[in-house]
Amino acid sequence: MRYTPAGLPALDLLLKHESEASEDGQPRKVSLEIKSVAIGAITRAAQALALGSPAQFAGFLAATRNGRGLVFHLTAIDAL
């Protein structure tokens, strides 16, 4: 846990997704890791998740501070 200059709690996360999708009629394994951040009240829900537990996340993508990448800002978490 860290705090923003405005005093809001912030939690940095790394989310991992694995599934299988169909591309041009052929099965394809999909794997993704994305840097994420929870800011404000949603940090409580993020902290309550057990490491590796499945969940559904909603939010938005934004550029990182240095502009060399993306970060997924969490706005909702639904534990599955």
N, C-alpha and C. Protein backbone atom coordinates (compact mmCIF):
# COMPACT_ATOMS: atom_id res chain seq x y z
N MET A 1 0.86 -1.18 0.00
CA MET A 1 0.00 0.00 0.00
C MET A 1 0.90 1.23 0.00
N ARG A 2 0.51 2.18 -0.80
CA ARG A 2 1.18 3.47 -0.82
C ARG A 2 0.10 4.54 -0.84
N TYR A 3 0.50 5.78 -0.80
CA TYR A 3 -0.46 6.88 -0.82
C TYR A 3 -0.06 7.88 -1.90
N THR A 4 -1.07 8.40 -2.61
CA THR A 4 -0.83 9.40 -3.65
C THR A 4 -0.50 10.74 -2.99
N PRO A 5 0.03 11.69 -3.75
CA PRO A 5 0.28 13.02 -3.17
C PRO A 5 -0.98 13.65 -2.58
N ALA A 6 -2.16 13.26 -3.08
CA ALA A 6 -3.42 13.78 -2.55
C ALA A 6 -3.86 13.04 -1.29
N GLY A 7 -3.08 12.03 -0.87
CA GLY A 7 -3.40 11.28 0.34
C GLY A 7 -4.31 10.09 0.14
N LEU A 8 -4.61 9.72 -1.11
CA LEU A 8 -5.47 8.57 -1.38
C LEU A 8 -4.66 7.28 -1.33
N PRO A 9 -5.24 6.20 -0.78
CA PRO A 9 -4.53 4.93 -0.79
C PRO A 9 -4.43 4.40 -2.22
N ALA A 10 -3.30 3.79 -2.55
CA ALA A 10 -3.09 3.23 -3.88
C ALA A 10 -2.40 1.87 -3.72
N LEU A 11 -2.82 0.92 -4.53
CA LEU A 11 -2.27 -0.42 -4.48
C LEU A 11 -1.88 -0.83 -5.90
N ASP A 12 -0.60 -1.12 -6.11
CA ASP A 12 -0.12 -1.56 -7.41
C ASP A 12 -0.26 -3.08 -7.50
N LEU A 13 -0.79 -3.55 -8.64
CA LEU A 13 -1.07 -4.97 -8.84
C LEU A 13 -0.54 -5.42 -10.20
N LEU A 14 -0.34 -6.71 -10.34
CA LEU A 14 -0.05 -7.33 -11.63
C LEU A 14 -1.14 -8.37 -11.86
N LEU A 15 -2.01 -8.12 -12.84
CA LEU A 15 -3.11 -9.05 -13.14
C LEU A 15 -2.67 -10.00 -14.24
N LYS A 16 -3.08 -11.26 -14.12
CA LYS A 16 -2.73 -12.29 -15.10
C LYS A 16 -4.00 -12.93 -15.63
N HIS A 17 -4.07 -13.09 -16.94
CA HIS A 17 -5.21 -13.72 -17.60
C HIS A 17 -4.71 -14.86 -18.47
N GLU A 18 -5.41 -16.00 -18.43
CA GLU A 18 -5.12 -17.14 -19.30
C GLU A 18 -6.43 -17.72 -19.77
N SER A 19 -6.54 -17.96 -21.08
CA SER A 19 -7.74 -18.57 -21.64
C SER A 19 -7.40 -19.14 -23.00
N GLU A 20 -8.43 -19.66 -23.65
CA GLU A 20 -8.29 -20.15 -25.02
C GLU A 20 -9.36 -19.49 -25.87
N ALA A 21 -8.97 -19.02 -27.04
CA ALA A 21 -9.89 -18.35 -27.95
C ALA A 21 -9.75 -18.97 -29.34
N SER A 22 -10.72 -18.70 -30.18
CA SER A 22 -10.67 -19.18 -31.56
C SER A 22 -10.27 -18.03 -32.46
N GLU A 23 -9.26 -18.28 -33.30
CA GLU A 23 -8.80 -17.28 -34.26
C GLU A 23 -8.74 -17.95 -35.63
N ASP A 24 -9.55 -17.45 -36.54
CA ASP A 24 -9.64 -18.01 -37.89
C ASP A 24 -9.94 -19.51 -37.84
N GLY A 25 -10.82 -19.89 -36.91
CA GLY A 25 -11.24 -21.27 -36.79
C GLY A 25 -10.26 -22.18 -36.07
N GLN A 26 -9.15 -21.64 -35.61
CA GLN A 26 -8.13 -22.44 -34.92
C GLN A 26 -8.06 -22.03 -33.45
N PRO A 27 -7.89 -23.01 -32.55
CA PRO A 27 -7.77 -22.66 -31.13
C PRO A 27 -6.43 -21.96 -30.87
N ARG A 28 -6.48 -20.98 -29.98
CA ARG A 28 -5.26 -20.25 -29.64
C ARG A 28 -5.25 -19.98 -28.14
N LYS A 29 -4.12 -20.27 -27.50
CA LYS A 29 -3.97 -19.97 -26.08
C LYS A 29 -3.65 -18.49 -25.95
N VAL A 30 -4.34 -17.85 -25.00
CA VAL A 30 -4.15 -16.43 -24.75
C VAL A 30 -3.62 -16.26 -23.33
N SER A 31 -2.54 -15.53 -23.19
CA SER A 31 -1.94 -15.28 -21.89
C SER A 31 -1.52 -13.82 -21.83
N LEU A 32 -1.82 -13.14 -20.71
CA LEU A 32 -1.54 -11.72 -20.60
C LEU A 32 -1.26 -11.36 -19.15
N GLU A 33 -0.27 -10.53 -18.94
CA GLU A 33 -0.02 -9.92 -17.64
C GLU A 33 -0.05 -8.42 -17.85
N ILE A 34 -0.75 -7.71 -16.98
CA ILE A 34 -0.86 -6.26 -17.13
C ILE A 34 -0.69 -5.57 -15.79
N LYS A 35 0.09 -4.49 -15.80
CA LYS A 35 0.25 -3.69 -14.60
C LYS A 35 -1.07 -2.97 -14.33
N SER A 36 -1.46 -2.96 -13.05
CA SER A 36 -2.73 -2.37 -12.66
C SER A 36 -2.55 -1.56 -11.39
N VAL A 37 -3.50 -0.66 -11.17
CA VAL A 37 -3.47 0.13 -9.95
C VAL A 37 -4.90 0.33 -9.45
N ALA A 38 -5.07 0.22 -8.15
CA ALA A 38 -6.34 0.51 -7.49
C ALA A 38 -6.11 1.76 -6.63
N ILE A 39 -6.95 2.76 -6.80
CA ILE A 39 -6.79 4.01 -6.06
C ILE A 39 -8.10 4.34 -5.34
N GLY A 40 -7.98 4.69 -4.06
CA GLY A 40 -9.16 5.07 -3.29
C GLY A 40 -9.80 3.89 -2.59
N ALA A 41 -11.12 3.95 -2.46
CA ALA A 41 -11.87 2.94 -1.71
C ALA A 41 -11.74 1.53 -2.28
N ILE A 42 -11.48 1.42 -3.58
CA ILE A 42 -11.39 0.09 -4.20
C ILE A 42 -10.16 -0.70 -3.72
N THR A 43 -9.23 -0.01 -3.07
CA THR A 43 -8.05 -0.72 -2.55
C THR A 43 -8.45 -1.77 -1.52
N ARG A 44 -9.54 -1.52 -0.77
CA ARG A 44 -10.00 -2.51 0.22
C ARG A 44 -10.43 -3.80 -0.45
N ALA A 45 -11.17 -3.70 -1.56
CA ALA A 45 -11.61 -4.89 -2.29
C ALA A 45 -10.42 -5.61 -2.90
N ALA A 46 -9.44 -4.87 -3.39
CA ALA A 46 -8.25 -5.47 -3.99
C ALA A 46 -7.43 -6.20 -2.93
N GLN A 47 -7.30 -5.63 -1.76
CA GLN A 47 -6.55 -6.28 -0.68
C GLN A 47 -7.25 -7.54 -0.17
N ALA A 48 -8.56 -7.60 -0.28
CA ALA A 48 -9.32 -8.75 0.21
C ALA A 48 -9.16 -9.97 -0.68
N LEU A 49 -8.71 -9.80 -1.93
CA LEU A 49 -8.53 -10.93 -2.84
C LEU A 49 -7.32 -11.76 -2.43
N ALA A 50 -7.47 -13.06 -2.47
CA ALA A 50 -6.34 -13.95 -2.21
C ALA A 50 -5.49 -14.03 -3.46
N LEU A 51 -4.20 -14.16 -3.29
CA LEU A 51 -3.27 -14.26 -4.41
C LEU A 51 -3.67 -15.42 -5.32
N GLY A 52 -3.87 -15.15 -6.60
CA GLY A 52 -4.22 -16.18 -7.57
C GLY A 52 -5.70 -16.49 -7.67
N SER A 53 -6.53 -15.80 -6.88
CA SER A 53 -7.96 -16.08 -6.93
C SER A 53 -8.59 -15.45 -8.17
N PRO A 54 -9.58 -16.12 -8.78
CA PRO A 54 -10.22 -15.55 -9.98
C PRO A 54 -11.14 -14.39 -9.62
N ALA A 55 -11.16 -13.40 -10.48
CA ALA A 55 -12.02 -12.24 -10.28
C ALA A 55 -12.24 -11.57 -11.63
N GLN A 56 -13.26 -10.75 -11.68
CA GLN A 56 -13.55 -9.96 -12.88
C GLN A 56 -13.28 -8.50 -12.53
N PHE A 57 -12.54 -7.82 -13.40
CA PHE A 57 -12.13 -6.46 -13.14
C PHE A 57 -12.68 -5.53 -14.21
N ALA A 58 -13.02 -4.31 -13.82
CA ALA A 58 -13.43 -3.27 -14.76
C ALA A 58 -12.58 -2.05 -14.49
N GLY A 59 -12.38 -1.23 -15.51
CA GLY A 59 -11.59 -0.04 -15.34
C GLY A 59 -11.26 0.60 -16.67
N PHE A 60 -10.14 1.30 -16.70
CA PHE A 60 -9.72 1.97 -17.93
C PHE A 60 -8.20 1.90 -18.07
N LEU A 61 -7.74 2.00 -19.31
CA LEU A 61 -6.31 2.00 -19.60
C LEU A 61 -5.80 3.42 -19.69
N ALA A 62 -4.61 3.64 -19.17
CA ALA A 62 -3.97 4.96 -19.26
C ALA A 62 -2.48 4.73 -19.49
N ALA A 63 -1.83 5.73 -20.02
CA ALA A 63 -0.38 5.67 -20.22
C ALA A 63 0.31 5.73 -18.86
N THR A 64 1.47 5.07 -18.76
CA THR A 64 2.26 5.17 -17.54
C THR A 64 2.84 6.57 -17.44
N ARG A 65 3.38 6.89 -16.30
CA ARG A 65 3.93 8.23 -16.08
C ARG A 65 4.99 8.60 -17.12
N ASN A 66 5.83 7.64 -17.48
CA ASN A 66 6.89 7.94 -18.44
C ASN A 66 6.40 7.81 -19.89
N GLY A 67 5.14 7.42 -20.07
CA GLY A 67 4.57 7.32 -21.41
C GLY A 67 5.02 6.11 -22.20
N ARG A 68 5.71 5.16 -21.56
CA ARG A 68 6.23 3.98 -22.25
C ARG A 68 5.53 2.72 -21.77
N GLY A 69 4.24 2.67 -21.92
CA GLY A 69 3.48 1.50 -21.51
C GLY A 69 2.08 1.90 -21.06
N LEU A 70 1.34 0.88 -20.62
CA LEU A 70 -0.03 1.07 -20.17
C LEU A 70 -0.19 0.58 -18.75
N VAL A 71 -1.14 1.16 -18.06
CA VAL A 71 -1.53 0.68 -16.74
C VAL A 71 -3.07 0.62 -16.71
N PHE A 72 -3.60 -0.45 -16.14
CA PHE A 72 -5.04 -0.67 -16.04
C PHE A 72 -5.50 -0.12 -14.69
N HIS A 73 -6.28 0.95 -14.69
CA HIS A 73 -6.81 1.56 -13.47
C HIS A 73 -8.13 0.85 -13.11
N LEU A 74 -8.16 0.20 -11.97
CA LEU A 74 -9.33 -0.56 -11.56
C LEU A 74 -10.42 0.36 -11.01
N THR A 75 -11.64 0.12 -11.48
CA THR A 75 -12.79 0.87 -10.97
C THR A 75 -13.81 -0.05 -10.31
N ALA A 76 -13.73 -1.36 -10.59
CA ALA A 76 -14.65 -2.35 -10.00
C ALA A 76 -13.98 -3.71 -9.95
N ILE A 77 -14.25 -4.44 -8.89
CA ILE A 77 -13.75 -5.80 -8.73
C ILE A 77 -14.89 -6.70 -8.30
N ASP A 78 -15.04 -7.83 -9.01
CA ASP A 78 -16.07 -8.81 -8.68
C ASP A 78 -15.39 -10.15 -8.48
N ALA A 79 -15.25 -10.59 -7.22
CA ALA A 79 -14.64 -11.88 -6.94
C ALA A 79 -15.55 -12.98 -7.46
N LEU A 80 -14.95 -13.97 -8.10
CA LEU A 80 -15.75 -15.07 -8.67
C LEU A 80 -15.78 -16.28 -7.77
